């Protein structure tokens, strides 16, 4: 897994973050990648990495309800 530059990465919490601390954070990882992580796992937890194109597709499918269970 590629390393993530910790010092230059700015993470932001999802606007859908619950009051119980169950949140997803996202960050730009360089010019062509988006990272997503679970705040419960902390800074050392795993990070999903998406290309910017795949991130746009992923978030559009969420907004459309395509991934609802």
PDB file of N, CA and C in Angstrom:
ATOM      1  N   UNK A   1       0.845  -1.167   0.000  1.00  0.00           N
ATOM      2  CA  UNK A   1       0.000   0.000   0.000  1.00  0.00           C
ATOM      3  C   UNK A   1       0.891   1.230   0.000  1.00  0.00           C
ATOM      4  N   UNK A   2       0.608   2.194  -0.871  1.00  0.00           N
ATOM      5  CA  UNK A   2       1.425   3.397  -0.904  1.00  0.00           C
ATOM      6  C   UNK A   2       1.330   4.174   0.398  1.00  0.00           C
ATOM      7  N   UNK A   3       2.422   4.815   0.758  1.00  0.00           N
ATOM      8  CA  UNK A   3       2.391   5.610   1.985  1.00  0.00           C
ATOM      9  C   UNK A   3       1.618   6.902   1.755  1.00  0.00           C
ATOM     10  N   UNK A   4       1.069   7.426   2.845  1.00  0.00           N
ATOM     11  CA  UNK A   4       0.277   8.652   2.789  1.00  0.00           C
ATOM     12  C   UNK A   4       1.057   9.742   3.507  1.00  0.00           C
ATOM     13  N   UNK A   5       1.298  10.873   2.855  1.00  0.00           N
ATOM     14  CA  UNK A   5       2.063  11.946   3.494  1.00  0.00           C
ATOM     15  C   UNK A   5       1.272  12.562   4.650  1.00  0.00           C
ATOM     16  N   UNK A   6       1.593  12.166   5.874  1.00  0.00           N
ATOM     17  CA  UNK A   6       0.822  12.569   7.054  1.00  0.00           C
ATOM     18  C   UNK A   6       0.854  14.066   7.297  1.00  0.00           C
ATOM     19  N   UNK A   7       1.986  14.697   7.130  1.00  0.00           N
ATOM     20  CA  UNK A   7       2.114  16.113   7.466  1.00  0.00           C
ATOM     21  C   UNK A   7       1.327  17.022   6.537  1.00  0.00           C
ATOM     22  N   UNK A   8       1.173  16.647   5.278  1.00  0.00           N
ATOM     23  CA  UNK A   8       0.510  17.525   4.325  1.00  0.00           C
ATOM     24  C   UNK A   8      -0.939  17.117   4.049  1.00  0.00           C
ATOM     25  N   UNK A   9      -1.419  16.064   4.688  1.00  0.00           N
ATOM     26  CA  UNK A   9      -2.766  15.577   4.438  1.00  0.00           C
ATOM     27  C   UNK A   9      -3.749  16.233   5.403  1.00  0.00           C
ATOM     28  N   UNK A  10      -4.790  16.846   4.846  1.00  0.00           N
ATOM     29  CA  UNK A  10      -5.824  17.492   5.656  1.00  0.00           C
ATOM     30  C   UNK A  10      -7.092  16.657   5.541  1.00  0.00           C
ATOM     31  N   UNK A  11      -7.486  16.035   6.633  1.00  0.00           N
ATOM     32  CA  UNK A  11      -8.677  15.196   6.664  1.00  0.00           C
ATOM     33  C   UNK A  11      -9.875  16.030   7.089  1.00  0.00           C
ATOM     34  N   UNK A  12     -11.039  15.745   6.498  1.00  0.00           N
ATOM     35  CA  UNK A  12     -12.266  16.412   6.930  1.00  0.00           C
ATOM     36  C   UNK A  12     -13.337  15.350   7.140  1.00  0.00           C
ATOM     37  N   UNK A  13     -14.185  15.596   8.145  1.00  0.00           N
ATOM     38  CA  UNK A  13     -15.242  14.643   8.474  1.00  0.00           C
ATOM     39  C   UNK A  13     -16.426  14.818   7.543  1.00  0.00           C
ATOM     40  N   UNK A  14     -17.095  13.723   7.307  1.00  0.00           N
ATOM     41  CA  UNK A  14     -18.299  13.741   6.494  1.00  0.00           C
ATOM     42  C   UNK A  14     -19.374  14.609   7.132  1.00  0.00           C
ATOM     43  N   UNK A  15     -20.185  15.241   6.309  1.00  0.00           N
ATOM     44  CA  UNK A  15     -21.313  16.029   6.820  1.00  0.00           C
ATOM     45  C   UNK A  15     -22.390  15.121   7.398  1.00  0.00           C
ATOM     46  N   UNK A  16     -22.297  13.834   7.143  1.00  0.00           N
ATOM     47  CA  UNK A  16     -23.268  12.869   7.660  1.00  0.00           C
ATOM     48  C   UNK A  16     -22.770  12.188   8.931  1.00  0.00           C
ATOM     49  N   UNK A  17     -21.782  12.754   9.569  1.00  0.00           N
ATOM     50  CA  UNK A  17     -21.182  12.178  10.770  1.00  0.00           C
ATOM     51  C   UNK A  17     -22.218  12.110  11.894  1.00  0.00           C
ATOM     52  N   UNK A  18     -22.313  10.961  12.530  1.00  0.00           N
ATOM     53  CA  UNK A  18     -23.251  10.795  13.635  1.00  0.00           C
ATOM     54  C   UNK A  18     -22.697  11.361  14.925  1.00  0.00           C
ATOM     55  N   UNK A  19     -23.572  11.585  15.884  1.00  0.00           N
ATOM     56  CA  UNK A  19     -23.164  12.123  17.174  1.00  0.00           C
ATOM     57  C   UNK A  19     -22.404  11.127  18.028  1.00  0.00           C
ATOM     58  N   UNK A  20     -22.386   9.863  17.609  1.00  0.00           N
ATOM     59  CA  UNK A  20     -21.713   8.823  18.385  1.00  0.00           C
ATOM     60  C   UNK A  20     -20.257   8.613  17.987  1.00  0.00           C
ATOM     61  N   UNK A  21     -19.716   9.488  17.152  1.00  0.00           N
ATOM     62  CA  UNK A  21     -18.318   9.375  16.758  1.00  0.00           C
ATOM     63  C   UNK A  21     -18.068   8.431  15.599  1.00  0.00           C
ATOM     64  N   UNK A  22     -19.132   7.870  15.035  1.00  0.00           N
ATOM     65  CA  UNK A  22     -18.996   6.986  13.887  1.00  0.00           C
ATOM     66  C   UNK A  22     -18.940   7.845  12.643  1.00  0.00           C
ATOM     67  N   UNK A  23     -17.739   8.132  12.193  1.00  0.00           N
ATOM     68  CA  UNK A  23     -17.562   9.074  11.091  1.00  0.00           C
ATOM     69  C   UNK A  23     -16.624   8.512  10.027  1.00  0.00           C
ATOM     70  N   UNK A  24     -16.762   9.076   8.848  1.00  0.00           N
ATOM     71  CA  UNK A  24     -15.825   8.834   7.759  1.00  0.00           C
ATOM     72  C   UNK A  24     -15.125  10.150   7.493  1.00  0.00           C
ATOM     73  N   UNK A  25     -13.825  10.079   7.299  1.00  0.00           N
ATOM     74  CA  UNK A  25     -13.045  11.258   6.939  1.00  0.00           C
ATOM     75  C   UNK A  25     -12.494  11.058   5.535  1.00  0.00           C
ATOM     76  N   UNK A  26     -12.384  12.147   4.803  1.00  0.00           N
ATOM     77  CA  UNK A  26     -11.819  12.098   3.460  1.00  0.00           C
ATOM     78  C   UNK A  26     -10.717  13.140   3.333  1.00  0.00           C
ATOM     79  N   UNK A  27      -9.792  12.886   2.414  1.00  0.00           N
ATOM     80  CA  UNK A  27      -8.684  13.818   2.181  1.00  0.00           C
ATOM     81  C   UNK A  27      -8.174  13.635   0.765  1.00  0.00           C
ATOM     82  N   UNK A  28      -7.644  14.702   0.214  1.00  0.00           N
ATOM     83  CA  UNK A  28      -6.937  14.616  -1.067  1.00  0.00           C
ATOM     84  C   UNK A  28      -5.538  14.100  -0.775  1.00  0.00           C
ATOM     85  N   UNK A  29      -5.148  13.074  -1.500  1.00  0.00           N
ATOM     86  CA  UNK A  29      -3.820  12.465  -1.344  1.00  0.00           C
ATOM     87  C   UNK A  29      -3.026  12.745  -2.611  1.00  0.00           C
ATOM     88  N   UNK A  30      -2.377  13.851  -2.650  1.00  0.00           N
ATOM     89  CA  UNK A  30      -1.671  14.241  -3.863  1.00  0.00           C
ATOM     90  C   UNK A  30      -2.661  14.790  -4.876  1.00  0.00           C
ATOM     91  N   UNK A  31      -2.292  14.790  -6.127  1.00  0.00           N
ATOM     92  CA  UNK A  31      -3.138  15.416  -7.146  1.00  0.00           C
ATOM     93  C   UNK A  31      -4.147  14.461  -7.771  1.00  0.00           C
ATOM     94  N   UNK A  32      -3.984  13.148  -7.596  1.00  0.00           N
ATOM     95  CA  UNK A  32      -4.843  12.221  -8.325  1.00  0.00           C
ATOM     96  C   UNK A  32      -5.526  11.178  -7.455  1.00  0.00           C
ATOM     97  N   UNK A  33      -5.437  11.312  -6.139  1.00  0.00           N
ATOM     98  CA  UNK A  33      -6.033  10.301  -5.256  1.00  0.00           C
ATOM     99  C   UNK A  33      -6.868  10.963  -4.170  1.00  0.00           C
ATOM    100  N   UNK A  34      -7.918  10.238  -3.748  1.00  0.00           N
ATOM    101  CA  UNK A  34      -8.745  10.619  -2.612  1.00  0.00           C
ATOM    102  C   UNK A  34      -8.659   9.485  -1.610  1.00  0.00           C
ATOM    103  N   UNK A  35      -8.488   9.826  -0.336  1.00  0.00           N
ATOM    104  CA  UNK A  35      -8.444   8.824   0.716  1.00  0.00           C
ATOM    105  C   UNK A  35      -9.692   8.910   1.576  1.00  0.00           C
ATOM    106  N   UNK A  36     -10.138   7.771   2.088  1.00  0.00           N
ATOM    107  CA  UNK A  36     -11.268   7.706   3.011  1.00  0.00           C
ATOM    108  C   UNK A  36     -10.874   6.781   4.153  1.00  0.00           C
ATOM    109  N   UNK A  37     -11.221   7.191   5.377  1.00  0.00           N
ATOM    110  CA  UNK A  37     -10.881   6.366   6.536  1.00  0.00           C
ATOM    111  C   UNK A  37     -11.975   6.466   7.595  1.00  0.00           C
ATOM    112  N   UNK A  38     -11.987   5.497   8.487  1.00  0.00           N
ATOM    113  CA  UNK A  38     -12.929   5.427   9.597  1.00  0.00           C
ATOM    114  C   UNK A  38     -12.289   6.097  10.803  1.00  0.00           C
ATOM    115  N   UNK A  39     -12.946   7.101  11.382  1.00  0.00           N
ATOM    116  CA  UNK A  39     -12.350   7.820  12.509  1.00  0.00           C
ATOM    117  C   UNK A  39     -12.179   6.945  13.734  1.00  0.00           C
ATOM    118  N   UNK A  40     -12.979   5.884  13.859  1.00  0.00           N
ATOM    119  CA  UNK A  40     -12.843   4.993  15.024  1.00  0.00           C
ATOM    120  C   UNK A  40     -11.490   4.294  15.050  1.00  0.00           C
ATOM    121  N   UNK A  41     -10.887   4.114  13.905  1.00  0.00           N
ATOM    122  CA  UNK A  41      -9.607   3.399  13.806  1.00  0.00           C
ATOM    123  C   UNK A  41      -8.416   4.306  14.077  1.00  0.00           C
ATOM    124  N   UNK A  42      -8.649   5.603  14.112  1.00  0.00           N
ATOM    125  CA  UNK A  42      -7.569   6.536  14.400  1.00  0.00           C
ATOM    126  C   UNK A  42      -6.682   6.810  13.207  1.00  0.00           C
ATOM    127  N   UNK A  43      -5.677   7.616  13.466  1.00  0.00           N
ATOM    128  CA  UNK A  43      -4.770   8.046  12.387  1.00  0.00           C
ATOM    129  C   UNK A  43      -3.961   6.913  11.786  1.00  0.00           C
ATOM    130  N   UNK A  44      -3.779   5.827  12.534  1.00  0.00           N
ATOM    131  CA  UNK A  44      -2.982   4.716  12.028  1.00  0.00           C
ATOM    132  C   UNK A  44      -3.824   3.637  11.366  1.00  0.00           C
ATOM    133  N   UNK A  45      -5.148   3.866  11.276  1.00  0.00           N
ATOM    134  CA  UNK A  45      -6.038   2.888  10.660  1.00  0.00           C
ATOM    135  C   UNK A  45      -5.865   2.847   9.147  1.00  0.00           C
ATOM    136  N   UNK A  46      -6.490   1.852   8.527  1.00  0.00           N
ATOM    137  CA  UNK A  46      -6.370   1.728   7.068  1.00  0.00           C
ATOM    138  C   UNK A  46      -7.077   2.862   6.340  1.00  0.00           C
ATOM    139  N   UNK A  47      -6.605   3.133   5.143  1.00  0.00           N
ATOM    140  CA  UNK A  47      -7.163   4.191   4.294  1.00  0.00           C
ATOM    141  C   UNK A  47      -7.510   3.574   2.947  1.00  0.00           C
ATOM    142  N   UNK A  48      -8.773   3.741   2.546  1.00  0.00           N
ATOM    143  CA  UNK A  48      -9.159   3.359   1.188  1.00  0.00           C
ATOM    144  C   UNK A  48      -8.699   4.466   0.257  1.00  0.00           C
ATOM    145  N   UNK A  49      -8.110   4.091  -0.865  1.00  0.00           N
ATOM    146  CA  UNK A  49      -7.631   5.091  -1.814  1.00  0.00           C
ATOM    147  C   UNK A  49      -8.366   4.926  -3.136  1.00  0.00           C
ATOM    148  N   UNK A  50      -8.883   6.048  -3.646  1.00  0.00           N
ATOM    149  CA  UNK A  50      -9.635   6.081  -4.890  1.00  0.00           C
ATOM    150  C   UNK A  50      -8.942   7.034  -5.862  1.00  0.00           C
ATOM    151  N   UNK A  51      -9.038   6.743  -7.148  1.00  0.00           N
ATOM    152  CA  UNK A  51      -8.668   7.767  -8.120  1.00  0.00           C
ATOM    153  C   UNK A  51      -9.757   8.829  -8.040  1.00  0.00           C
ATOM    154  N   UNK A  52      -9.482  10.035  -8.506  1.00  0.00           N
ATOM    155  CA  UNK A  52     -10.500  11.080  -8.441  1.00  0.00           C
ATOM    156  C   UNK A  52     -11.731  10.695  -9.262  1.00  0.00           C
ATOM    157  N   UNK A  53     -11.539  10.045 -10.378  1.00  0.00           N
ATOM    158  CA  UNK A  53     -12.653   9.595 -11.212  1.00  0.00           C
ATOM    159  C   UNK A  53     -13.494   8.546 -10.481  1.00  0.00           C
ATOM    160  N   UNK A  54     -12.837   7.569  -9.875  1.00  0.00           N
ATOM    161  CA  UNK A  54     -13.560   6.534  -9.119  1.00  0.00           C
ATOM    162  C   UNK A  54     -14.285   7.128  -7.918  1.00  0.00           C
ATOM    163  N   UNK A  55     -13.689   8.139  -7.265  1.00  0.00           N
ATOM    164  CA  UNK A  55     -14.340   8.798  -6.127  1.00  0.00           C
ATOM    165  C   UNK A  55     -15.624   9.497  -6.574  1.00  0.00           C
ATOM    166  N   UNK A  56     -15.568  10.197  -7.709  1.00  0.00           N
ATOM    167  CA  UNK A  56     -16.766  10.864  -8.232  1.00  0.00           C
ATOM    168  C   UNK A  56     -17.866   9.844  -8.535  1.00  0.00           C
ATOM    169  N   UNK A  57     -17.495   8.729  -9.135  1.00  0.00           N
ATOM    170  CA  UNK A  57     -18.467   7.677  -9.441  1.00  0.00           C
ATOM    171  C   UNK A  57     -19.046   7.089  -8.161  1.00  0.00           C
ATOM    172  N   UNK A  58     -18.187   6.804  -7.198  1.00  0.00           N
ATOM    173  CA  UNK A  58     -18.609   6.231  -5.918  1.00  0.00           C
ATOM    174  C   UNK A  58     -19.595   7.151  -5.200  1.00  0.00           C
ATOM    175  N   UNK A  59     -19.263   8.434  -5.066  1.00  0.00           N
ATOM    176  CA  UNK A  59     -20.147   9.355  -4.348  1.00  0.00           C
ATOM    177  C   UNK A  59     -21.448   9.590  -5.118  1.00  0.00           C
ATOM    178  N   UNK A  60     -21.404   9.589  -6.443  1.00  0.00           N
ATOM    179  CA  UNK A  60     -22.635   9.731  -7.232  1.00  0.00           C
ATOM    180  C   UNK A  60     -23.553   8.536  -7.003  1.00  0.00           C
ATOM    181  N   UNK A  61     -22.990   7.337  -6.941  1.00  0.00           N
ATOM    182  CA  UNK A  61     -23.795   6.137  -6.702  1.00  0.00           C
ATOM    183  C   UNK A  61     -24.398   6.160  -5.300  1.00  0.00           C
ATOM    184  N   UNK A  62     -23.675   6.679  -4.323  1.00  0.00           N
ATOM    185  CA  UNK A  62     -24.238   6.804  -2.970  1.00  0.00           C
ATOM    186  C   UNK A  62     -25.422   7.768  -3.002  1.00  0.00           C
ATOM    187  N   UNK A  63     -25.233   8.931  -3.615  1.00  0.00           N
ATOM    188  CA  UNK A  63     -26.290   9.944  -3.676  1.00  0.00           C
ATOM    189  C   UNK A  63     -27.520   9.429  -4.414  1.00  0.00           C
ATOM    190  N   UNK A  64     -27.327   8.579  -5.422  1.00  0.00           N
ATOM    191  CA  UNK A  64     -28.445   8.009  -6.185  1.00  0.00           C
ATOM    192  C   UNK A  64     -29.133   6.857  -5.458  1.00  0.00           C
ATOM    193  N   UNK A  65     -28.539   6.391  -4.361  1.00  0.00           N
ATOM    194  CA  UNK A  65     -29.113   5.258  -3.633  1.00  0.00           C
ATOM    195  C   UNK A  65     -28.763   3.910  -4.223  1.00  0.00           C
ATOM    196  N   UNK A  66     -27.833   3.884  -5.167  1.00  0.00           N
ATOM    197  CA  UNK A  66     -27.446   2.636  -5.825  1.00  0.00           C
ATOM    198  C   UNK A  66     -26.795   1.628  -4.884  1.00  0.00           C
ATOM    199  N   UNK A  67     -26.238   2.102  -3.776  1.00  0.00           N
ATOM    200  CA  UNK A  67     -25.503   1.213  -2.857  1.00  0.00           C
ATOM    201  C   UNK A  67     -26.261   0.951  -1.559  1.00  0.00           C
ATOM    202  N   UNK A  68     -27.527   1.376  -1.486  1.00  0.00           N
ATOM    203  CA  UNK A  68     -28.321   1.141  -0.279  1.00  0.00           C
ATOM    204  C   UNK A  68     -28.590  -0.357  -0.134  1.00  0.00           C
ATOM    205  N   UNK A  69     -28.607  -0.796   1.095  1.00  0.00           N
ATOM    206  CA  UNK A  69     -28.898  -2.225   1.367  1.00  0.00           C
ATOM    207  C   UNK A  69     -30.380  -2.453   1.467  1.00  0.00           C
TER     208      UNK A  69
END
